C-alpha atoms as a PDB file:
ATOM      1  CA  MET A   1      15.138  39.337 -37.034  1.00  0.00           C
ATOM      2  CA  ALA A   2      16.733  35.994 -37.667  1.00  0.00           C
ATOM      3  CA  ILE A   3      18.613  35.130 -40.806  1.00  0.00           C
ATOM      4  CA  THR A   4      17.152  32.115 -42.535  1.00  0.00           C
ATOM      5  CA  ARG A   5      18.492  30.130 -45.427  1.00  0.00           C
ATOM      6  CA  LYS A   6      16.632  30.236 -48.707  1.00  0.00           C
ATOM      7  CA  LYS A   7      15.011  26.998 -49.653  1.00  0.00           C
ATOM      8  CA  ASN A   8      16.455  25.358 -52.711  1.00  0.00           C
ATOM      9  CA  PRO A   9      13.687  23.942 -54.902  1.00  0.00           C
ATOM     10  CA  LYS A  10      16.077  21.315 -56.300  1.00  0.00           C
ATOM     11  CA  SER A  11      16.914  19.741 -52.925  1.00  0.00           C
ATOM     12  CA  ASN A  12      14.859  16.842 -51.653  1.00  0.00           C
ATOM     13  CA  PRO A  13      13.129  17.830 -48.389  1.00  0.00           C
ATOM     14  CA  ASP A  14      12.741  14.174 -47.386  1.00  0.00           C
ATOM     15  CA  ARG A  15      16.499  13.603 -47.183  1.00  0.00           C
ATOM     16  CA  SER A  16      18.181  15.299 -44.304  1.00  0.00           C
ATOM     17  CA  TRP A  17      20.443  14.474 -41.384  1.00  0.00           C
ATOM     18  CA  ARG A  18      17.406  14.821 -39.119  1.00  0.00           C
ATOM     19  CA  ASN A  19      15.726  11.875 -40.816  1.00  0.00           C
ATOM     20  CA  LEU A  20      18.579   9.459 -40.177  1.00  0.00           C
ATOM     21  CA  VAL A  21      17.454   6.583 -38.005  1.00  0.00           C
ATOM     22  CA  SER A  22      19.836   5.834 -35.199  1.00  0.00           C
ATOM     23  CA  VAL A  23      20.067   2.361 -33.770  1.00  0.00           C
ATOM     24  CA  LYS A  24      19.256   2.642 -30.090  1.00  0.00           C
ATOM     25  CA  ARG A  25      20.364  -0.148 -27.840  1.00  0.00           C
ATOM     26  CA  ARG A  26      19.069  -0.590 -24.341  1.00  0.00           C
ATOM     27  CA  ARG A  27      21.740  -0.107 -21.792  1.00  0.00           C
ATOM     28  CA  PRO A  28      21.946  -2.790 -19.135  1.00  0.00           C
ATOM     29  CA  MET A  29      20.406  -1.819 -15.815  1.00  0.00           C
ATOM     30  CA  SER A  30      22.736  -1.101 -12.958  1.00  0.00           C
ATOM     31  CA  SER A  31      22.353  -2.723  -9.561  1.00  0.00           C
ATOM     32  CA  VAL A  32      20.911   0.500  -8.145  1.00  0.00           C
ATOM     33  CA  ALA A  33      18.297   0.611 -10.903  1.00  0.00           C
ATOM     34  CA  TRP A  34      17.381  -3.047 -10.260  1.00  0.00           C
ATOM     35  CA  ARG A  35      17.068  -2.343  -6.546  1.00  0.00           C
ATOM     36  CA  ARG A  36      14.827   0.665  -7.147  1.00  0.00           C
ATOM     37  CA  SER A  37      12.570  -1.206  -9.536  1.00  0.00           C
ATOM     38  CA  LEU A  38      12.287  -4.191  -7.189  1.00  0.00           C
ATOM     39  CA  LEU A  39      11.522  -1.877  -4.267  1.00  0.00           C
ATOM     40  CA  SER A  40       8.771  -0.179  -6.231  1.00  0.00           C
ATOM     41  CA  VAL A  41       7.253  -3.543  -7.199  1.00  0.00           C
ATOM     42  CA  GLY A  42       7.522  -4.679  -3.579  1.00  0.00           C
ATOM     43  CA  LYS A  43       5.751  -1.543  -2.376  1.00  0.00           C
ATOM     44  CA  VAL A  44       2.887  -2.183  -4.779  1.00  0.00           C
ATOM     45  CA  PHE A  45       2.534  -5.803  -3.617  1.00  0.00           C
ATOM     46  CA  LEU A  46       2.706  -4.716   0.037  1.00  0.00           C
ATOM     47  CA  PHE A  47      -0.008  -2.128  -0.541  1.00  0.00           C
ATOM     48  CA  LEU A  48      -2.209  -4.711  -2.262  1.00  0.00           C
ATOM     49  CA  ALA A  49      -1.620  -7.204   0.580  1.00  0.00           C
ATOM     50  CA  LEU A  50      -2.551  -4.588   3.196  1.00  0.00           C
ATOM     51  CA  LEU A  51      -5.635  -3.619   1.242  1.00  0.00           C
ATOM     52  CA  GLY A  52      -6.694  -7.254   0.850  1.00  0.00           C
ATOM     53  CA  GLY A  53      -5.997  -8.026   4.518  1.00  0.00           C
ATOM     54  CA  SER A  54      -8.067  -5.055   5.622  1.00  0.00           C
ATOM     55  CA  GLY A  55     -10.948  -6.143   3.412  1.00  0.00           C
ATOM     56  CA  TYR A  56     -10.708  -9.708   4.725  1.00  0.00           C
ATOM     57  CA  GLY A  57     -10.691  -8.454   8.331  1.00  0.00           C
ATOM     58  CA  ILE A  58     -13.763  -6.328   7.730  1.00  0.00           C
ATOM     59  CA  TRP A  59     -15.515  -9.276   6.095  1.00  0.00           C
ATOM     60  CA  LEU A  60     -14.637 -11.558   9.043  1.00  0.00           C
ATOM     61  CA  GLY A  61     -15.909  -8.951  11.492  1.00  0.00           C
ATOM     62  CA  CYS A  62     -19.200  -8.643   9.644  1.00  0.00           C
ATOM     63  CA  GLU A  63     -19.595 -12.439   9.549  1.00  0.00           C
ATOM     64  CA  HIS A  64     -18.826 -12.736  13.269  1.00  0.00           C
ATOM     65  CA  PHE A  65     -21.316 -10.083  14.315  1.00  0.00           C
ATOM     66  CA  GLN A  66     -24.014 -11.514  12.048  1.00  0.00           C
ATOM     67  CA  ASN A  67     -23.578 -14.987  13.567  1.00  0.00           C
ATOM     68  CA  ASN A  68     -23.312 -13.715  17.174  1.00  0.00           C
ATOM     69  CA  PRO A  69     -25.912 -10.999  17.656  1.00  0.00           C
ATOM     70  CA  GLY A  70     -26.096  -9.250  20.972  1.00  0.00           C
ATOM     71  CA  PRO A  71     -24.123  -6.703  22.928  1.00  0.00           C
ATOM     72  CA  VAL A  72     -20.420  -6.398  22.201  1.00  0.00           C
ATOM     73  CA  ASP A  73     -18.418  -7.124  25.360  1.00  0.00           C
ATOM     74  CA  LEU A  74     -14.765  -6.254  24.882  1.00  0.00           C
ATOM     75  CA  THR A  75     -13.799  -6.935  28.527  1.00  0.00           C
ATOM     76  CA  GLY A  76     -14.794 -10.585  28.491  1.00  0.00           C
ATOM     77  CA  PRO A  77     -17.372 -12.541  30.483  1.00  0.00           C
ATOM     78  CA  THR A  78     -18.236 -11.052  33.884  1.00  0.00           C
ATOM     79  CA  LEU A  79     -20.459 -11.884  36.834  1.00  0.00           C
ATOM     80  CA  PRO A  80     -23.288  -9.636  37.954  1.00  0.00           C
ATOM     81  CA  VAL A  81     -22.509  -7.420  40.942  1.00  0.00           C
ATOM     82  CA  ASP A  82     -25.203  -9.180  43.056  1.00  0.00           C
ATOM     83  CA  SER A  83     -23.321 -12.480  42.918  1.00  0.00           C
ATOM     84  CA  LEU A  84     -20.002 -11.096  44.225  1.00  0.00           C
ATOM     85  CA  LYS A  85     -19.018 -12.318  47.697  1.00  0.00           C
ATOM     86  CA  TYR A  86     -16.516 -10.359  49.685  1.00  0.00           C
ATOM     87  CA  ALA A  87     -14.051 -12.222  51.854  1.00  0.00           C
ATOM     88  CA  THR A  88     -11.469 -10.873  54.240  1.00  0.00           C
ATOM     89  CA  ASP A  89      -8.165 -12.210  55.463  1.00  0.00           C
ATOM     90  CA  GLY A  90      -8.826 -10.857  58.951  1.00  0.00           C
ATOM     91  CA  VAL A  91      -6.818  -7.624  58.815  1.00  0.00           C
ATOM     92  CA  LEU A  92      -9.289  -4.761  58.609  1.00  0.00           C
ATOM     93  CA  GLY A  93      -8.467  -2.478  61.508  1.00  0.00           C
ATOM     94  CA  ARG A  94      -5.516  -0.273  62.434  1.00  0.00           C
ATOM     95  CA  ASN A  95      -4.336  -2.649  65.155  1.00  0.00           C
END
């Protein structure tokens, strides 16, 4: 059981050391704090740039495939197998 002080009815409950307003001043940021805050801002901008670049790439891909319908050929233009002509340099045997 804790011992508590009796409340005095004559004392003003509004005046106490707990109600004193202290003047708080902002301390200047150190170089490490500046670096951390700038790195965090840079990370946010980098994330937004990557997100925007990805969206732009997807949009360009959709535009390209809408304007150029047809099969997607990732290897480039090729000739049909029927049009290939084989040529030799003369060395075909074991001799």
